[in-house]
Amino acid sequence: MTPETLVAVRAVATIVSTLGTLPIGTLIVLAVMGPWFAAIVLVLVQGRRFDAVVQMYKDNVALVEEAQAQNHRFEKLAKDQHGTIVYNTEIMTEVRDKADNNLFCPWNRRGINPRDIES
């Protein structure tokens, strides 16, 4: 061994004898068990996030189903309204035809000017 290596080993031995084996044992345990502890914590955190994502997708499915139901109701309303509009158009066409062909009305009999009726 080189003299620098011997000095480094002697320095580490001095530190170990000064501090004792507890801090070094703690560091070794942390080096071995730390990644396992971090992995367990990450699994728990990711599990909660996954549950939140699953709930979000369930809520989205419910929202889409509700929107489809509302769309179906709107289509039904539009069809009903279409029938009503067609019926009203037919009735108003009949009213216009009757007004145009009303021979009992003095205005239609005389034609143009309401003053002709008075005379």
C-alpha atoms as a PDB file:
ATOM      1  CA  MET A   1       0.000   0.000   0.000  1.00  0.00           C
ATOM      2  CA  THR A   2       1.041   3.521  -0.626  1.00  0.00           C
ATOM      3  CA  PRO A   3       1.644   5.907   2.211  1.00  0.00           C
ATOM      4  CA  GLU A   4      -1.401   7.997   1.211  1.00  0.00           C
ATOM      5  CA  THR A   5      -3.648   4.945   1.447  1.00  0.00           C
ATOM      6  CA  LEU A   6      -2.258   4.073   4.860  1.00  0.00           C
ATOM      7  CA  VAL A   7      -2.906   7.611   6.040  1.00  0.00           C
ATOM      8  CA  ALA A   8      -6.533   7.440   4.778  1.00  0.00           C
ATOM      9  CA  VAL A   9      -7.139   4.060   6.464  1.00  0.00           C
ATOM     10  CA  ARG A  10      -5.594   5.328   9.707  1.00  0.00           C
ATOM     11  CA  ALA A  11      -7.819   8.471   9.520  1.00  0.00           C
ATOM     12  CA  VAL A  12     -10.958   6.364   9.030  1.00  0.00           C
ATOM     13  CA  ALA A  13      -9.910   4.073  11.904  1.00  0.00           C
ATOM     14  CA  THR A  14      -9.371   7.109  14.126  1.00  0.00           C
ATOM     15  CA  ILE A  15     -12.810   8.501  13.257  1.00  0.00           C
ATOM     16  CA  VAL A  16     -14.459   5.115  13.930  1.00  0.00           C
ATOM     17  CA  SER A  17     -12.707   4.749  17.286  1.00  0.00           C
ATOM     18  CA  THR A  18     -13.640   8.334  18.230  1.00  0.00           C
ATOM     19  CA  LEU A  19     -17.315   8.160  17.239  1.00  0.00           C
ATOM     20  CA  GLY A  20     -17.929   4.524  17.965  1.00  0.00           C
ATOM     21  CA  THR A  21     -19.721   2.041  15.736  1.00  0.00           C
ATOM     22  CA  LEU A  22     -23.249   3.418  16.134  1.00  0.00           C
ATOM     23  CA  PRO A  23     -23.070   6.201  13.483  1.00  0.00           C
ATOM     24  CA  ILE A  24     -21.324   3.930  10.992  1.00  0.00           C
ATOM     25  CA  GLY A  25     -23.819   1.137  11.636  1.00  0.00           C
ATOM     26  CA  THR A  26     -26.621   3.632  11.131  1.00  0.00           C
ATOM     27  CA  LEU A  27     -25.132   4.738   7.821  1.00  0.00           C
ATOM     28  CA  ILE A  28     -24.777   1.135   6.679  1.00  0.00           C
ATOM     29  CA  VAL A  29     -28.391   0.350   7.651  1.00  0.00           C
ATOM     30  CA  LEU A  30     -29.582   3.483   5.849  1.00  0.00           C
ATOM     31  CA  ALA A  31     -27.558   2.576   2.774  1.00  0.00           C
ATOM     32  CA  VAL A  32     -29.071  -0.905   2.713  1.00  0.00           C
ATOM     33  CA  MET A  33     -32.620  -0.186   3.893  1.00  0.00           C
ATOM     34  CA  GLY A  34     -33.052   3.380   2.575  1.00  0.00           C
ATOM     35  CA  PRO A  35     -33.920   2.442  -1.001  1.00  0.00           C
ATOM     36  CA  TRP A  36     -36.426  -0.129   0.247  1.00  0.00           C
ATOM     37  CA  PHE A  37     -38.075   2.429   2.512  1.00  0.00           C
ATOM     38  CA  ALA A  38     -38.170   4.987  -0.323  1.00  0.00           C
ATOM     39  CA  ALA A  39     -39.696   2.376  -2.652  1.00  0.00           C
ATOM     40  CA  ILE A  40     -42.434   1.543  -0.132  1.00  0.00           C
ATOM     41  CA  VAL A  41     -43.280   5.228   0.350  1.00  0.00           C
ATOM     42  CA  LEU A  42     -43.406   5.771  -3.418  1.00  0.00           C
ATOM     43  CA  VAL A  43     -45.693   2.759  -3.868  1.00  0.00           C
ATOM     44  CA  LEU A  44     -48.112   4.148  -1.279  1.00  0.00           C
ATOM     45  CA  VAL A  45     -48.096   7.617  -2.838  1.00  0.00           C
ATOM     46  CA  GLN A  46     -48.541   6.233  -6.353  1.00  0.00           C
ATOM     47  CA  GLY A  47     -51.376   4.009  -5.120  1.00  0.00           C
ATOM     48  CA  ARG A  48     -53.259   7.049  -3.851  1.00  0.00           C
ATOM     49  CA  ARG A  49     -52.664   8.867  -7.126  1.00  0.00           C
ATOM     50  CA  PHE A  50     -53.839   5.827  -9.085  1.00  0.00           C
ATOM     51  CA  ASP A  51     -57.028   5.653  -7.010  1.00  0.00           C
ATOM     52  CA  ALA A  52     -57.618   9.350  -7.730  1.00  0.00           C
ATOM     53  CA  VAL A  53     -57.139   8.763 -11.467  1.00  0.00           C
ATOM     54  CA  VAL A  54     -59.549   5.815 -11.412  1.00  0.00           C
ATOM     55  CA  GLN A  55     -62.153   7.958  -9.638  1.00  0.00           C
ATOM     56  CA  MET A  56     -61.637  10.737 -12.181  1.00  0.00           C
ATOM     57  CA  TYR A  57     -62.313   8.320 -15.047  1.00  0.00           C
ATOM     58  CA  LYS A  58     -65.436   6.997 -13.317  1.00  0.00           C
ATOM     59  CA  ASP A  59     -66.674  10.567 -12.879  1.00  0.00           C
ATOM     60  CA  ASN A  60     -65.958  11.280 -16.553  1.00  0.00           C
ATOM     61  CA  VAL A  61     -67.952   8.212 -17.618  1.00  0.00           C
ATOM     62  CA  ALA A  62     -70.900   9.373 -15.510  1.00  0.00           C
ATOM     63  CA  LEU A  63     -70.614  12.855 -17.016  1.00  0.00           C
ATOM     64  CA  VAL A  64     -70.602  11.483 -20.573  1.00  0.00           C
ATOM     65  CA  GLU A  65     -73.631   9.282 -19.864  1.00  0.00           C
ATOM     66  CA  GLU A  66     -75.508  12.258 -18.435  1.00  0.00           C
ATOM     67  CA  ALA A  67     -74.607  14.386 -21.450  1.00  0.00           C
ATOM     68  CA  GLN A  68     -75.835  11.663 -23.814  1.00  0.00           C
ATOM     69  CA  ALA A  69     -79.122  11.424 -21.907  1.00  0.00           C
ATOM     70  CA  GLN A  70     -79.568  15.193 -22.128  1.00  0.00           C
ATOM     71  CA  ASN A  71     -78.787  15.083 -25.841  1.00  0.00           C
ATOM     72  CA  HIS A  72     -81.446  12.392 -26.321  1.00  0.00           C
ATOM     73  CA  ARG A  73     -84.003  14.510 -24.445  1.00  0.00           C
ATOM     74  CA  PHE A  74     -83.065  17.545 -26.546  1.00  0.00           C
ATOM     75  CA  GLU A  75     -83.524  15.579 -29.786  1.00  0.00           C
ATOM     76  CA  LYS A  76     -86.959  14.452 -28.614  1.00  0.00           C
ATOM     77  CA  LEU A  77     -87.890  18.034 -27.742  1.00  0.00           C
ATOM     78  CA  ALA A  78     -86.665  19.228 -31.144  1.00  0.00           C
ATOM     79  CA  LYS A  79     -88.803  16.613 -32.915  1.00  0.00           C
ATOM     80  CA  ASP A  80     -91.859  17.614 -30.881  1.00  0.00           C
ATOM     81  CA  GLN A  81     -91.196  21.274 -31.587  1.00  0.00           C
ATOM     82  CA  HIS A  82     -90.821  20.543 -35.302  1.00  0.00           C
ATOM     83  CA  GLY A  83     -94.286  19.000 -35.364  1.00  0.00           C
ATOM     84  CA  THR A  84     -95.747  22.007 -33.580  1.00  0.00           C
ATOM     85  CA  ILE A  85     -94.095  24.453 -35.981  1.00  0.00           C
ATOM     86  CA  VAL A  86     -95.376  22.539 -39.022  1.00  0.00           C
ATOM     87  CA  TYR A  87     -98.900  22.446 -37.576  1.00  0.00           C
ATOM     88  CA  ASN A  88     -98.846  26.187 -36.802  1.00  0.00           C
ATOM     89  CA  THR A  89     -97.569  26.951 -40.304  1.00  0.00           C
ATOM     90  CA  GLU A  90    -100.404  24.967 -41.848  1.00  0.00           C
ATOM     91  CA  ILE A  91    -102.990  26.742 -39.704  1.00  0.00           C
ATOM     92  CA  MET A  92    -101.573  30.189 -40.488  1.00  0.00           C
ATOM     93  CA  THR A  93    -101.600  29.333 -44.209  1.00  0.00           C
ATOM     94  CA  GLU A  94    -105.288  28.437 -43.942  1.00  0.00           C
ATOM     95  CA  VAL A  95    -105.977  31.688 -42.059  1.00  0.00           C
ATOM     96  CA  ARG A  96    -104.210  33.694 -44.778  1.00  0.00           C
ATOM     97  CA  ASP A  97    -106.158  31.896 -47.528  1.00  0.00           C
ATOM     98  CA  LYS A  98    -109.455  32.544 -45.748  1.00  0.00           C
ATOM     99  CA  ALA A  99    -108.580  36.195 -45.264  1.00  0.00           C
ATOM    100  CA  ASP A 100    -107.634  36.551 -48.928  1.00  0.00           C
ATOM    101  CA  ASN A 101    -110.799  34.803 -50.120  1.00  0.00           C
ATOM    102  CA  ASN A 102    -113.237  36.400 -47.706  1.00  0.00           C
ATOM    103  CA  LEU A 103    -115.974  37.766 -49.927  1.00  0.00           C
ATOM    104  CA  PHE A 104    -118.098  38.828 -46.986  1.00  0.00           C
ATOM    105  CA  CYS A 105    -115.615  41.449 -45.889  1.00  0.00           C
ATOM    106  CA  PRO A 106    -116.461  44.842 -47.396  1.00  0.00           C
ATOM    107  CA  TRP A 107    -112.800  45.671 -47.768  1.00  0.00           C
ATOM    108  CA  ASN A 108    -112.245  42.669 -50.023  1.00  0.00           C
ATOM    109  CA  ARG A 109    -115.434  43.287 -52.014  1.00  0.00           C
ATOM    110  CA  ARG A 110    -114.660  46.900 -52.771  1.00  0.00           C
ATOM    111  CA  GLY A 111    -110.988  46.370 -53.236  1.00  0.00           C
ATOM    112  CA  ILE A 112    -108.556  49.182 -52.639  1.00  0.00           C
ATOM    113  CA  ASN A 113    -109.765  52.093 -50.538  1.00  0.00           C
ATOM    114  CA  PRO A 114    -111.722  51.990 -47.292  1.00  0.00           C
ATOM    115  CA  ARG A 115    -113.464  55.269 -48.228  1.00  0.00           C
ATOM    116  CA  ASP A 116    -115.253  53.405 -51.025  1.00  0.00           C
ATOM    117  CA  ILE A 117    -117.032  51.374 -48.379  1.00  0.00           C
ATOM    118  CA  GLU A 118    -118.524  54.396 -46.672  1.00  0.00           C
ATOM    119  CA  SER A 119    -120.091  55.766 -49.818  1.00  0.00           C
END
